[in-house]
Amino acid sequence: MEIFHQLNQAQGLTIVVVTHSDEVAKFASRIISFRDGCIVGDTGAPPMEASGPNRKGQPLPEEVSP
């Protein structure tokens, strides 16, 4: 898990880990819980930085109001 943390911090990589282990999940900055294929919990995402290489401060299409 430490290598994943280092990659996330040093290179800004998003790491997705699927686990049933609470011990592994405690390393995550965000936990999305599923039951029977449906999301039943989400600890929430940390605030996004507008300076990311793919973000550039622009809203994603689903964030644009009609």
C-alpha atoms as a PDB file:
ATOM      1  CA  MET A   1       0.000   0.000   0.000  1.00  0.00           C
ATOM      2  CA  GLU A   2       2.909   2.341   0.621  1.00  0.00           C
ATOM      3  CA  ILE A   3       3.954   2.240  -3.047  1.00  0.00           C
ATOM      4  CA  PHE A   4       0.423   3.267  -4.063  1.00  0.00           C
ATOM      5  CA  HIS A   5       0.538   6.164  -1.613  1.00  0.00           C
ATOM      6  CA  GLN A   6       3.913   7.280  -2.959  1.00  0.00           C
ATOM      7  CA  LEU A   7       2.708   7.146  -6.571  1.00  0.00           C
ATOM      8  CA  ASN A   8      -0.380   9.155  -5.669  1.00  0.00           C
ATOM      9  CA  GLN A   9       1.582  11.825  -3.840  1.00  0.00           C
ATOM     10  CA  ALA A  10       4.595  12.089  -6.155  1.00  0.00           C
ATOM     11  CA  GLN A  11       2.898  11.750  -9.538  1.00  0.00           C
ATOM     12  CA  GLY A  12      -0.723  12.598  -8.801  1.00  0.00           C
ATOM     13  CA  LEU A  13      -1.907   9.183  -9.961  1.00  0.00           C
ATOM     14  CA  THR A  14      -5.378   8.002  -9.028  1.00  0.00           C
ATOM     15  CA  ILE A  15      -5.280   4.500  -7.592  1.00  0.00           C
ATOM     16  CA  VAL A  16      -8.443   2.384  -7.493  1.00  0.00           C
ATOM     17  CA  VAL A  17      -8.385  -0.545  -5.080  1.00  0.00           C
ATOM     18  CA  VAL A  18     -11.282  -2.975  -4.768  1.00  0.00           C
ATOM     19  CA  THR A  19     -11.266  -4.830  -1.458  1.00  0.00           C
ATOM     20  CA  HIS A  20     -13.372  -6.444   1.232  1.00  0.00           C
ATOM     21  CA  SER A  21     -10.682  -5.687   3.811  1.00  0.00           C
ATOM     22  CA  ASP A  22     -11.203  -2.853   6.281  1.00  0.00           C
ATOM     23  CA  GLU A  23      -7.426  -2.929   6.908  1.00  0.00           C
ATOM     24  CA  VAL A  24      -6.723  -2.128   3.242  1.00  0.00           C
ATOM     25  CA  ALA A  25      -9.581   0.380   2.959  1.00  0.00           C
ATOM     26  CA  LYS A  26      -8.224   2.506   5.810  1.00  0.00           C
ATOM     27  CA  PHE A  27      -5.378   3.629   3.524  1.00  0.00           C
ATOM     28  CA  ALA A  28      -7.809   5.291   1.114  1.00  0.00           C
ATOM     29  CA  SER A  29      -8.608   8.994   1.006  1.00  0.00           C
ATOM     30  CA  ARG A  30     -12.056   8.134  -0.369  1.00  0.00           C
ATOM     31  CA  ILE A  31     -14.175   5.019   0.154  1.00  0.00           C
ATOM     32  CA  ILE A  32     -17.174   4.175  -2.018  1.00  0.00           C
ATOM     33  CA  SER A  33     -19.221   1.274  -0.633  1.00  0.00           C
ATOM     34  CA  PHE A  34     -21.420  -0.977  -2.751  1.00  0.00           C
ATOM     35  CA  ARG A  35     -24.165  -3.442  -1.873  1.00  0.00           C
ATOM     36  CA  ASP A  36     -25.867  -5.570  -4.524  1.00  0.00           C
ATOM     37  CA  GLY A  37     -24.287  -3.463  -7.273  1.00  0.00           C
ATOM     38  CA  CYS A  38     -25.537  -0.133  -5.904  1.00  0.00           C
ATOM     39  CA  ILE A  39     -23.573   2.623  -4.170  1.00  0.00           C
ATOM     40  CA  VAL A  40     -24.617   2.691  -0.521  1.00  0.00           C
ATOM     41  CA  GLY A  41     -21.919   4.959   0.844  1.00  0.00           C
ATOM     42  CA  ASP A  42     -19.338   7.495  -0.237  1.00  0.00           C
ATOM     43  CA  THR A  43     -16.948   9.287   2.087  1.00  0.00           C
ATOM     44  CA  GLY A  44     -16.771  12.052  -0.507  1.00  0.00           C
ATOM     45  CA  ALA A  45     -13.974  13.203  -2.736  1.00  0.00           C
ATOM     46  CA  PRO A  46     -11.379  15.630  -1.520  1.00  0.00           C
ATOM     47  CA  PRO A  47     -11.603  19.027  -3.262  1.00  0.00           C
ATOM     48  CA  MET A  48     -10.170  18.939  -6.789  1.00  0.00           C
ATOM     49  CA  GLU A  49      -7.352  21.273  -7.680  1.00  0.00           C
ATOM     50  CA  ALA A  50      -8.082  23.294 -10.786  1.00  0.00           C
ATOM     51  CA  SER A  51      -4.415  23.112 -11.764  1.00  0.00           C
ATOM     52  CA  GLY A  52      -4.416  19.398 -12.648  1.00  0.00           C
ATOM     53  CA  PRO A  53      -3.248  18.463 -16.163  1.00  0.00           C
ATOM     54  CA  ASN A  54      -6.718  17.322 -17.269  1.00  0.00           C
ATOM     55  CA  ARG A  55      -8.785  19.764 -15.244  1.00  0.00           C
ATOM     56  CA  LYS A  56      -7.485  23.230 -16.195  1.00  0.00           C
ATOM     57  CA  GLY A  57     -10.252  24.839 -14.153  1.00  0.00           C
ATOM     58  CA  GLN A  58     -12.906  23.864 -16.699  1.00  0.00           C
ATOM     59  CA  PRO A  59     -16.106  22.163 -15.554  1.00  0.00           C
ATOM     60  CA  LEU A  60     -16.667  18.628 -16.731  1.00  0.00           C
ATOM     61  CA  PRO A  61     -19.621  18.213 -19.139  1.00  0.00           C
ATOM     62  CA  GLU A  62     -21.890  16.800 -16.411  1.00  0.00           C
ATOM     63  CA  GLU A  63     -21.116  19.857 -14.221  1.00  0.00           C
ATOM     64  CA  VAL A  64     -22.371  22.352 -16.800  1.00  0.00           C
ATOM     65  CA  SER A  65     -25.807  23.765 -16.014  1.00  0.00           C
ATOM     66  CA  PRO A  66     -28.313  23.934 -18.906  1.00  0.00           C
END
